[in-house]
C-alpha atoms as a PDB file:
ATOM      1  CA  MET A   1     -18.411  -7.509  -1.579  1.00  0.00           C
ATOM      2  CA  ALA A   2     -14.881  -8.664  -0.755  1.00  0.00           C
ATOM      3  CA  LEU A   3     -11.838  -8.928  -3.019  1.00  0.00           C
ATOM      4  CA  ALA A   4      -9.609 -11.880  -3.945  1.00  0.00           C
ATOM      5  CA  LEU A   5      -5.934 -11.622  -4.915  1.00  0.00           C
ATOM      6  CA  VAL A   6      -5.143 -12.186  -8.599  1.00  0.00           C
ATOM      7  CA  ALA A   7      -1.506 -11.066  -8.756  1.00  0.00           C
ATOM      8  CA  ALA A   8       1.067  -9.160  -6.732  1.00  0.00           C
ATOM      9  CA  ARG A   9       4.560  -7.733  -7.024  1.00  0.00           C
ATOM     10  CA  GLY A  10       6.829  -5.731  -4.728  1.00  0.00           C
ATOM     11  CA  VAL A  11       9.993  -3.688  -5.114  1.00  0.00           C
ATOM     12  CA  ARG A  12      12.516  -2.233  -2.681  1.00  0.00           C
ATOM     13  CA  ALA A  13      14.591   0.560  -4.191  1.00  0.00           C
ATOM     14  CA  THR A  14      18.238   0.719  -3.106  1.00  0.00           C
ATOM     15  CA  HIS A  15      19.541   3.360  -5.539  1.00  0.00           C
ATOM     16  CA  ARG A  16      19.711   7.151  -5.339  1.00  0.00           C
ATOM     17  CA  ASN A  17      18.661   9.783  -7.884  1.00  0.00           C
ATOM     18  CA  PRO A  18      19.877  13.352  -8.339  1.00  0.00           C
ATOM     19  CA  SER A  19      17.982  15.767  -6.118  1.00  0.00           C
ATOM     20  CA  PRO A  20      14.986  17.491  -7.765  1.00  0.00           C
ATOM     21  CA  PHE A  21      15.137  20.280  -5.184  1.00  0.00           C
ATOM     22  CA  ASP A  22      16.123  23.363  -7.158  1.00  0.00           C
ATOM     23  CA  ALA A  23      15.887  26.898  -5.748  1.00  0.00           C
ATOM     24  CA  GLU A  24      12.226  27.204  -6.747  1.00  0.00           C
ATOM     25  CA  LEU A  25      11.203  23.954  -5.045  1.00  0.00           C
ATOM     26  CA  VAL A  26      13.230  24.744  -1.907  1.00  0.00           C
ATOM     27  CA  GLY A  27      11.516  28.128  -1.789  1.00  0.00           C
ATOM     28  CA  TYR A  28       8.122  26.443  -2.110  1.00  0.00           C
ATOM     29  CA  PHE A  29       8.840  24.155   0.846  1.00  0.00           C
ATOM     30  CA  ASP A  30      10.342  27.009   2.884  1.00  0.00           C
ATOM     31  CA  ASP A  31       7.079  28.917   2.487  1.00  0.00           C
ATOM     32  CA  LEU A  32       5.027  25.826   3.314  1.00  0.00           C
ATOM     33  CA  LEU A  33       7.066  24.780   6.338  1.00  0.00           C
ATOM     34  CA  GLY A  34       7.231  28.373   7.544  1.00  0.00           C
ATOM     35  CA  LEU A  35       3.532  28.131   8.355  1.00  0.00           C
ATOM     36  CA  TYR A  36       4.525  25.593  11.020  1.00  0.00           C
ATOM     37  CA  GLY A  37       7.635  27.374  12.257  1.00  0.00           C
ATOM     38  CA  GLN A  38      10.073  25.135  10.346  1.00  0.00           C
ATOM     39  CA  ARG A  39      12.676  25.564   7.621  1.00  0.00           C
ATOM     40  CA  VAL A  40      13.910  23.254   4.886  1.00  0.00           C
ATOM     41  CA  ASP A  41      16.515  20.837   6.262  1.00  0.00           C
ATOM     42  CA  GLU A  42      19.286  20.821   3.648  1.00  0.00           C
ATOM     43  CA  ARG A  43      20.950  17.807   5.295  1.00  0.00           C
ATOM     44  CA  GLN A  44      17.887  15.638   4.729  1.00  0.00           C
ATOM     45  CA  LEU A  45      17.870  16.643   1.072  1.00  0.00           C
ATOM     46  CA  SER A  46      21.569  15.938   0.538  1.00  0.00           C
ATOM     47  CA  THR A  47      21.260  12.411   1.936  1.00  0.00           C
ATOM     48  CA  GLY A  48      17.851  11.529   0.453  1.00  0.00           C
ATOM     49  CA  ALA A  49      17.361   8.820  -2.153  1.00  0.00           C
ATOM     50  CA  ASN A  50      15.001  11.014  -4.239  1.00  0.00           C
ATOM     51  CA  VAL A  51      13.005   8.008  -5.472  1.00  0.00           C
ATOM     52  CA  GLY A  52       9.548   9.435  -6.155  1.00  0.00           C
ATOM     53  CA  TYR A  53       6.215   7.722  -6.471  1.00  0.00           C
ATOM     54  CA  PRO A  54       5.980   7.826 -10.298  1.00  0.00           C
ATOM     55  CA  GLU A  55       9.265   5.914 -10.482  1.00  0.00           C
ATOM     56  CA  LEU A  56       8.245   3.398  -7.822  1.00  0.00           C
ATOM     57  CA  ALA A  57       4.962   2.805  -9.632  1.00  0.00           C
ATOM     58  CA  GLU A  58       6.718   2.310 -12.971  1.00  0.00           C
ATOM     59  CA  ARG A  59       9.230  -0.098 -11.396  1.00  0.00           C
ATOM     60  CA  VAL A  60       6.588  -2.306  -9.789  1.00  0.00           C
ATOM     61  CA  LEU A  61       4.194  -2.529 -12.753  1.00  0.00           C
ATOM     62  CA  PRO A  62       6.085  -4.333 -15.561  1.00  0.00           C
ATOM     63  CA  ASP A  63       5.457  -8.067 -15.802  1.00  0.00           C
ATOM     64  CA  LEU A  64       3.160  -8.072 -12.781  1.00  0.00           C
ATOM     65  CA  ASP A  65       2.810 -11.854 -12.653  1.00  0.00           C
ATOM     66  CA  GLY A  66       2.065 -11.992 -16.360  1.00  0.00           C
ATOM     67  CA  LEU A  67      -0.218  -8.955 -16.473  1.00  0.00           C
ATOM     68  CA  THR A  68       1.674  -6.710 -18.855  1.00  0.00           C
ATOM     69  CA  VAL A  69       1.276  -3.160 -20.078  1.00  0.00           C
ATOM     70  CA  ASP A  70       0.452  -3.658 -23.747  1.00  0.00           C
ATOM     71  CA  GLY A  71      -0.570  -0.162 -24.860  1.00  0.00           C
ATOM     72  CA  VAL A  72      -4.250  -1.131 -24.935  1.00  0.00           C
ATOM     73  CA  GLY A  73      -4.979  -1.914 -21.325  1.00  0.00           C
ATOM     74  CA  PHE A  74      -3.758  -3.780 -18.299  1.00  0.00           C
ATOM     75  CA  ARG A  75      -5.822  -6.880 -18.891  1.00  0.00           C
ATOM     76  CA  GLY A  76      -9.060  -5.148 -18.127  1.00  0.00           C
ATOM     77  CA  VAL A  77      -8.203  -3.327 -14.901  1.00  0.00           C
ATOM     78  CA  GLY A  78     -11.244  -1.200 -14.088  1.00  0.00           C
ATOM     79  CA  MET A  79      -9.876   0.767 -11.150  1.00  0.00           C
ATOM     80  CA  VAL A  80      -6.464   2.133 -10.155  1.00  0.00           C
ATOM     81  CA  LEU A  81      -6.005   3.033  -6.491  1.00  0.00           C
ATOM     82  CA  VAL A  82      -2.790   4.582  -5.152  1.00  0.00           C
ATOM     83  CA  ALA A  83      -2.341   4.561  -1.369  1.00  0.00           C
ATOM     84  CA  TYR A  84       0.466   6.219   0.585  1.00  0.00           C
ATOM     85  CA  ALA A  85       1.188   7.788   3.969  1.00  0.00           C
ATOM     86  CA  VAL A  86       4.446   9.705   3.372  1.00  0.00           C
ATOM     87  CA  PRO A  87       4.179  12.653   0.920  1.00  0.00           C
ATOM     88  CA  ASP A  88       5.899  12.318  -2.441  1.00  0.00           C
ATOM     89  CA  VAL A  89       9.318  13.828  -3.179  1.00  0.00           C
ATOM     90  CA  HIS A  90       7.751  16.350  -5.526  1.00  0.00           C
ATOM     91  CA  PRO A  91       4.530  17.976  -4.257  1.00  0.00           C
ATOM     92  CA  LEU A  92       2.847  18.347  -7.669  1.00  0.00           C
ATOM     93  CA  THR A  93       2.461  14.779  -8.941  1.00  0.00           C
ATOM     94  CA  CYS A  94      -0.733  12.898  -9.859  1.00  0.00           C
ATOM     95  CA  VAL A  95       0.490   9.318  -9.679  1.00  0.00           C
ATOM     96  CA  ALA A  96      -2.895   7.595 -10.017  1.00  0.00           C
ATOM     97  CA  SER A  97      -3.610   9.483 -13.254  1.00  0.00           C
ATOM     98  CA  HIS A  98      -0.076   8.736 -14.488  1.00  0.00           C
ATOM     99  CA  VAL A  99      -0.518   4.995 -13.860  1.00  0.00           C
ATOM    100  CA  ASN A 100      -3.943   5.018 -15.482  1.00  0.00           C
ATOM    101  CA  HIS A 101      -2.393   6.652 -18.547  1.00  0.00           C
ATOM    102  CA  LEU A 102       0.317   3.961 -18.672  1.00  0.00           C
ATOM    103  CA  LEU A 103      -2.411   1.328 -18.616  1.00  0.00           C
ATOM    104  CA  GLY A 104      -4.398   2.793 -21.499  1.00  0.00           C
ATOM    105  CA  ASP A 105      -6.624   5.431 -19.812  1.00  0.00           C
ATOM    106  CA  ARG A 106      -9.449   2.919 -19.398  1.00  0.00           C
ATOM    107  CA  ALA A 107      -9.796   2.766 -15.614  1.00  0.00           C
ATOM    108  CA  VAL A 108     -11.262   4.880 -12.845  1.00  0.00           C
ATOM    109  CA  SER A 109      -8.330   6.195 -10.793  1.00  0.00           C
ATOM    110  CA  MET A 110      -7.748   7.999  -7.509  1.00  0.00           C
ATOM    111  CA  ALA A 111      -5.256   8.342  -4.657  1.00  0.00           C
ATOM    112  CA  ILE A 112      -5.826   7.906  -0.912  1.00  0.00           C
ATOM    113  CA  SER A 113      -3.502   9.686   1.531  1.00  0.00           C
ATOM    114  CA  GLU A 114      -3.416  11.569   4.848  1.00  0.00           C
ATOM    115  CA  GLN A 115      -4.612   8.422   6.661  1.00  0.00           C
ATOM    116  CA  GLY A 116      -1.357   6.806   7.739  1.00  0.00           C
ATOM    117  CA  LEU A 117      -1.221   3.074   7.132  1.00  0.00           C
ATOM    118  CA  ALA A 118      -5.023   3.015   6.984  1.00  0.00           C
ATOM    119  CA  ALA A 119      -4.846   4.267   3.378  1.00  0.00           C
ATOM    120  CA  PRO A 120      -4.632   0.826   1.664  1.00  0.00           C
ATOM    121  CA  TYR A 121      -7.503  -0.483   3.784  1.00  0.00           C
ATOM    122  CA  THR A 122      -9.616   2.511   2.796  1.00  0.00           C
ATOM    123  CA  ALA A 123      -8.675   1.797  -0.821  1.00  0.00           C
ATOM    124  CA  LEU A 124     -10.047  -1.742  -0.480  1.00  0.00           C
ATOM    125  CA  ARG A 125     -13.319  -0.394   0.904  1.00  0.00           C
ATOM    126  CA  ILE A 126     -13.579   1.931  -2.094  1.00  0.00           C
ATOM    127  CA  ALA A 127     -12.814  -0.877  -4.556  1.00  0.00           C
ATOM    128  CA  ALA A 128     -15.337  -3.224  -2.937  1.00  0.00           C
ATOM    129  CA  ALA A 129     -18.036  -0.541  -2.914  1.00  0.00           C
ATOM    130  CA  HIS A 130     -17.253   0.349  -6.531  1.00  0.00           C
ATOM    131  CA  HIS A 131     -17.773  -3.254  -7.619  1.00  0.00           C
ATOM    132  CA  ALA A 132     -20.854  -3.752  -5.453  1.00  0.00           C
ATOM    133  CA  ALA A 133     -22.498  -0.635  -6.895  1.00  0.00           C
ATOM    134  CA  GLY A 134     -21.883  -1.846 -10.427  1.00  0.00           C
ATOM    135  CA  ALA A 135     -20.213   1.447 -11.314  1.00  0.00           C
ATOM    136  CA  ALA A 136     -18.896   1.991 -14.830  1.00  0.00           C
ATOM    137  CA  GLY A 137     -15.723  -0.015 -15.282  1.00  0.00           C
ATOM    138  CA  GLY A 138     -16.328  -1.753 -11.973  1.00  0.00           C
ATOM    139  CA  THR A 139     -16.465  -5.216 -13.498  1.00  0.00           C
ATOM    140  CA  GLY A 140     -12.715  -5.410 -14.084  1.00  0.00           C
ATOM    141  CA  PRO A 141     -10.110  -6.134 -11.421  1.00  0.00           C
ATOM    142  CA  ALA A 142      -8.757  -3.345  -9.232  1.00  0.00           C
ATOM    143  CA  LEU A 143      -5.083  -2.439  -9.115  1.00  0.00           C
ATOM    144  CA  LEU A 144      -3.890  -1.241  -5.703  1.00  0.00           C
ATOM    145  CA  LEU A 145      -0.488   0.444  -5.504  1.00  0.00           C
ATOM    146  CA  VAL A 146       0.887   1.016  -1.999  1.00  0.00           C
ATOM    147  CA  LEU A 147       3.868   3.389  -2.135  1.00  0.00           C
ATOM    148  CA  GLU A 148       6.455   4.652   0.355  1.00  0.00           C
ATOM    149  CA  GLN A 149       9.377   7.029  -0.169  1.00  0.00           C
ATOM    150  CA  THR A 150      11.875   8.501   2.276  1.00  0.00           C
ATOM    151  CA  THR A 151      13.089  11.871   0.955  1.00  0.00           C
ATOM    152  CA  LEU A 152      11.565  14.837   2.778  1.00  0.00           C
ATOM    153  CA  PRO A 153      12.770  18.428   3.219  1.00  0.00           C
ATOM    154  CA  TYR A 154      12.404  18.144   7.000  1.00  0.00           C
ATOM    155  CA  HIS A 155      13.039  15.588   9.735  1.00  0.00           C
ATOM    156  CA  HIS A 156      10.182  13.104  10.097  1.00  0.00           C
ATOM    157  CA  PRO A 157      10.658  10.817  13.136  1.00  0.00           C
ATOM    158  CA  LEU A 158       8.778   7.870  11.647  1.00  0.00           C
ATOM    159  CA  VAL A 159      10.597   8.093   8.316  1.00  0.00           C
ATOM    160  CA  HIS A 160      14.120   8.913   9.500  1.00  0.00           C
ATOM    161  CA  ASP A 161      14.339   7.330  12.955  1.00  0.00           C
ATOM    162  CA  THR A 162      12.751   3.964  12.075  1.00  0.00           C
ATOM    163  CA  PRO A 163      14.250   4.242   9.372  1.00  0.00           C
ATOM    164  CA  LEU A 164      11.987   3.482   6.424  1.00  0.00           C
ATOM    165  CA  THR A 165      13.024   2.266   2.988  1.00  0.00           C
ATOM    166  CA  ASP A 166      11.749   3.238  -0.457  1.00  0.00           C
ATOM    167  CA  SER A 167       9.324   0.498  -1.409  1.00  0.00           C
ATOM    168  CA  ALA A 168       6.192  -0.304  -3.393  1.00  0.00           C
ATOM    169  CA  ALA A 169       3.642  -3.089  -3.582  1.00  0.00           C
ATOM    170  CA  ALA A 170       1.208  -3.674  -6.442  1.00  0.00           C
ATOM    171  CA  VAL A 171      -1.715  -6.043  -5.955  1.00  0.00           C
ATOM    172  CA  VAL A 172      -4.473  -6.903  -8.430  1.00  0.00           C
ATOM    173  CA  LEU A 173      -7.778  -7.927  -6.894  1.00  0.00           C
ATOM    174  CA  GLU A 174     -11.088  -9.136  -8.254  1.00  0.00           C
ATOM    175  CA  PRO A 175     -14.557  -9.378  -6.646  1.00  0.00           C
ATOM    176  CA  ALA A 176     -15.230 -12.273  -4.294  1.00  0.00           C
ATOM    177  CA  ALA A 177     -18.009 -13.223  -1.924  1.00  0.00           C
ATOM    178  CA  VAL A 178     -17.694 -12.012   1.659  1.00  0.00           C
ATOM    179  CA  ASP A 179     -16.955 -14.801   4.134  1.00  0.00           C
ATOM    180  CA  ALA A 180     -19.664 -15.635   6.659  1.00  0.00           C
ATOM    181  CA  ASP A 181     -17.857 -13.714   9.416  1.00  0.00           C
ATOM    182  CA  GLY A 182     -17.462 -10.624   7.216  1.00  0.00           C
ATOM    183  CA  ILE A 183     -13.685 -10.340   7.570  1.00  0.00           C
ATOM    184  CA  GLY A 184     -13.365 -10.212   3.811  1.00  0.00           C
ATOM    185  CA  LEU A 185     -14.036  -6.508   4.290  1.00  0.00           C
ATOM    186  CA  PRO A 186     -11.444  -4.176   5.892  1.00  0.00           C
ATOM    187  CA  TRP A 187     -11.775  -3.915   9.672  1.00  0.00           C
ATOM    188  CA  ALA A 188     -10.524  -1.286  12.157  1.00  0.00           C
ATOM    189  CA  GLY A 189     -10.328  -1.265  15.945  1.00  0.00           C
ATOM    190  CA  THR A 190      -7.928  -1.233  18.877  1.00  0.00           C
ATOM    191  CA  PRO A 191      -4.921  -3.534  19.430  1.00  0.00           C
ATOM    192  CA  ALA A 192      -6.985  -5.362  22.059  1.00  0.00           C
ATOM    193  CA  THR A 193      -9.875  -5.983  19.684  1.00  0.00           C
ATOM    194  CA  LEU A 194      -7.390  -6.993  16.979  1.00  0.00           C
ATOM    195  CA  ASP A 195      -6.112  -9.667  19.355  1.00  0.00           C
ATOM    196  CA  ALA A 196      -9.676 -10.912  19.813  1.00  0.00           C
ATOM    197  CA  LEU A 197     -10.274 -10.819  16.063  1.00  0.00           C
ATOM    198  CA  VAL A 198      -7.210 -12.953  15.377  1.00  0.00           C
ATOM    199  CA  ARG A 199      -8.210 -15.478  18.052  1.00  0.00           C
ATOM    200  CA  ARG A 200     -11.676 -15.749  16.519  1.00  0.00           C
ATOM    201  CA  THR A 201     -10.773 -15.978  12.842  1.00  0.00           C
ATOM    202  CA  ALA A 202      -7.262 -17.414  12.434  1.00  0.00           C
ATOM    203  CA  ASP A 203      -7.229 -21.174  11.811  1.00  0.00           C
ATOM    204  CA  GLU A 204      -4.869 -23.746  10.331  1.00  0.00           C
ATOM    205  CA  ARG A 205      -5.757 -22.590   6.794  1.00  0.00           C
ATOM    206  CA  THR A 206      -5.027 -18.911   7.499  1.00  0.00           C
ATOM    207  CA  LEU A 207      -1.666 -17.150   7.670  1.00  0.00           C
ATOM    208  CA  VAL A 208      -1.610 -14.019   9.815  1.00  0.00           C
ATOM    209  CA  VAL A 209       0.681 -11.363   8.325  1.00  0.00           C
ATOM    210  CA  ALA A 210       1.468  -8.846  11.077  1.00  0.00           C
ATOM    211  CA  GLY A 211       3.003  -5.417  10.567  1.00  0.00           C
ATOM    212  CA  PRO A 212       6.047  -4.147  12.503  1.00  0.00           C
ATOM    213  CA  TRP A 213       3.965  -2.502  15.242  1.00  0.00           C
ATOM    214  CA  VAL A 214       1.657  -5.434  15.960  1.00  0.00           C
ATOM    215  CA  PRO A 215       2.384  -7.076  19.347  1.00  0.00           C
ATOM    216  CA  ASP A 216       2.453 -10.829  19.833  1.00  0.00           C
ATOM    217  CA  VAL A 217      -0.163 -12.513  17.647  1.00  0.00           C
ATOM    218  CA  PRO A 218      -2.272 -15.347  19.102  1.00  0.00           C
ATOM    219  CA  ALA A 219      -2.222 -17.582  16.015  1.00  0.00           C
ATOM    220  CA  GLU A 220      -0.531 -20.786  14.912  1.00  0.00           C
ATOM    221  CA  HIS A 221       0.764 -19.449  11.592  1.00  0.00           C
ATOM    222  CA  VAL A 222       2.211 -15.929  11.719  1.00  0.00           C
ATOM    223  CA  HIS A 223       4.570 -13.905   9.538  1.00  0.00           C
ATOM    224  CA  HIS A 224       5.995 -10.849  11.328  1.00  0.00           C
ATOM    225  CA  CYS A 225       7.080  -8.034   9.016  1.00  0.00           C
ATOM    226  CA  PRO A 226      10.476  -6.675  10.112  1.00  0.00           C
ATOM    227  CA  PRO A 227      11.045  -2.953  10.782  1.00  0.00           C
ATOM    228  CA  GLY A 228      11.766  -0.717   7.821  1.00  0.00           C
ATOM    229  CA  THR A 229       8.311  -0.223   6.309  1.00  0.00           C
ATOM    230  CA  TYR A 230       5.195   1.629   7.399  1.00  0.00           C
ATOM    231  CA  CYS A 231       2.325   1.904   4.916  1.00  0.00           C
ATOM    232  CA  THR A 232       3.741  -0.795   2.610  1.00  0.00           C
ATOM    233  CA  SER A 233       4.562  -3.346   5.349  1.00  0.00           C
ATOM    234  CA  VAL A 234       2.016  -6.184   5.030  1.00  0.00           C
ATOM    235  CA  TRP A 235       1.327  -5.418   1.353  1.00  0.00           C
ATOM    236  CA  LEU A 236       4.985  -5.705   0.449  1.00  0.00           C
ATOM    237  CA  ALA A 237       5.212  -8.995   2.354  1.00  0.00           C
ATOM    238  CA  LEU A 238       2.116 -10.272   0.552  1.00  0.00           C
ATOM    239  CA  ALA A 239       3.652  -9.390  -2.814  1.00  0.00           C
ATOM    240  CA  GLU A 240       7.046 -10.892  -2.032  1.00  0.00           C
ATOM    241  CA  HIS A 241       5.753 -14.202  -0.592  1.00  0.00           C
ATOM    242  CA  ARG A 242       2.457 -14.719  -2.420  1.00  0.00           C
ATOM    243  CA  GLU A 243       3.601 -17.655  -4.513  1.00  0.00           C
ATOM    244  CA  ARG A 244       4.840 -19.679  -1.537  1.00  0.00           C
ATOM    245  CA  TRP A 245       2.006 -18.693   0.781  1.00  0.00           C
ATOM    246  CA  SER A 246      -0.660 -19.597  -1.783  1.00  0.00           C
ATOM    247  CA  ARG A 247       0.653 -23.181  -1.804  1.00  0.00           C
ATOM    248  CA  GLN A 248       0.517 -23.453   1.993  1.00  0.00           C
ATOM    249  CA  PHE A 249      -2.603 -21.520   3.018  1.00  0.00           C
ATOM    250  CA  GLU A 250      -6.084 -20.792   1.723  1.00  0.00           C
ATOM    251  CA  ARG A 251      -6.011 -17.134   2.748  1.00  0.00           C
ATOM    252  CA  VAL A 252      -4.062 -14.475   4.610  1.00  0.00           C
ATOM    253  CA  LEU A 253      -5.172 -12.138   7.377  1.00  0.00           C
ATOM    254  CA  LEU A 254      -3.262  -8.877   6.980  1.00  0.00           C
ATOM    255  CA  CYS A 255      -3.113  -6.814  10.157  1.00  0.00           C
ATOM    256  CA  ASP A 256      -1.238  -3.751  11.327  1.00  0.00           C
ATOM    257  CA  VAL A 257      -1.243  -1.110  14.062  1.00  0.00           C
ATOM    258  CA  ASP A 258      -0.497   2.521  13.264  1.00  0.00           C
ATOM    259  CA  PRO A 259       2.123   3.727  15.789  1.00  0.00           C
ATOM    260  CA  ARG A 260       0.890   7.310  15.455  1.00  0.00           C
ATOM    261  CA  THR A 261      -2.747   6.631  16.366  1.00  0.00           C
ATOM    262  CA  SER A 262      -2.679   3.114  17.925  1.00  0.00           C
ATOM    263  CA  THR A 263      -5.503   2.173  15.554  1.00  0.00           C
ATOM    264  CA  ALA A 264      -5.448  -1.424  14.358  1.00  0.00           C
ATOM    265  CA  HIS A 265      -6.453  -2.476  10.843  1.00  0.00           C
ATOM    266  CA  ALA A 266      -7.076  -5.893   9.315  1.00  0.00           C
ATOM    267  CA  VAL A 267      -8.445  -7.569   6.207  1.00  0.00           C
ATOM    268  CA  ARG A 268      -8.620 -11.184   5.125  1.00  0.00           C
ATOM    269  CA  ILE A 269      -7.813 -11.915   1.495  1.00  0.00           C
ATOM    270  CA  ARG A 270      -8.275 -15.165  -0.384  1.00  0.00           C
ATOM    271  CA  TRP A 271      -6.457 -16.277  -3.495  1.00  0.00           C
ATOM    272  CA  SER A 272      -8.338 -15.806  -6.746  1.00  0.00           C
ATOM    273  CA  GLY A 273     -10.029 -19.037  -7.796  1.00  0.00           C
ATOM    274  CA  ALA A 274      -9.582 -20.661  -4.370  1.00  0.00           C
END
């Protein structure tokens, strides 16, 4: 079972918060990093934005294209999935449970991490399988939150040298039939096989949304995501341009290549009701 897009919203945070790194938290990270021969980098902490995942989630949720938090539920959302690649500012946060609580504690919730930019694609596989299995609560739409923050107590080349920005994308998806070629389900491969996939499936009704590390795309209609995002890249673009794209195209093919593993990922998403 595939998923169709119901609603989407994105945010890019440009503000800074006071640092949460007190002596106890710095000591925690010193002990953790010491296992790998590193120490806390005070310079990274002093310049960090300190915008954590609970805040990003709360900023992207209100008035999500008319789906509002009303104290009872989030218009029937049956599953909350939080996907991220960069660890949170604070190590002891349960963002998926926090979001579920904000939405009325009626959904199944979980987080997917430690997979790089593959995390949102894994989340879609979980959501599709959940609906297909008819699991409890699986009849409602799924809320996928893709989060990215930039404050770490050590130097991270991908985060600091790119550099990344604090951003979040929220997309609400409902069950849809899988297209005949099966690309309604998340796909993974090499950059070369991604090229072949795009050539085979992209047509005049499909917009290819390519992440920052995707090479030239062999398609007529392409949106290239600029540098500055990693896990959120194509999802943030989808959220920010959904209204215009839905008037021009029948579907989007989201694709990205993880610069750390050279693994390519793709999924084709239709608009709900199309």
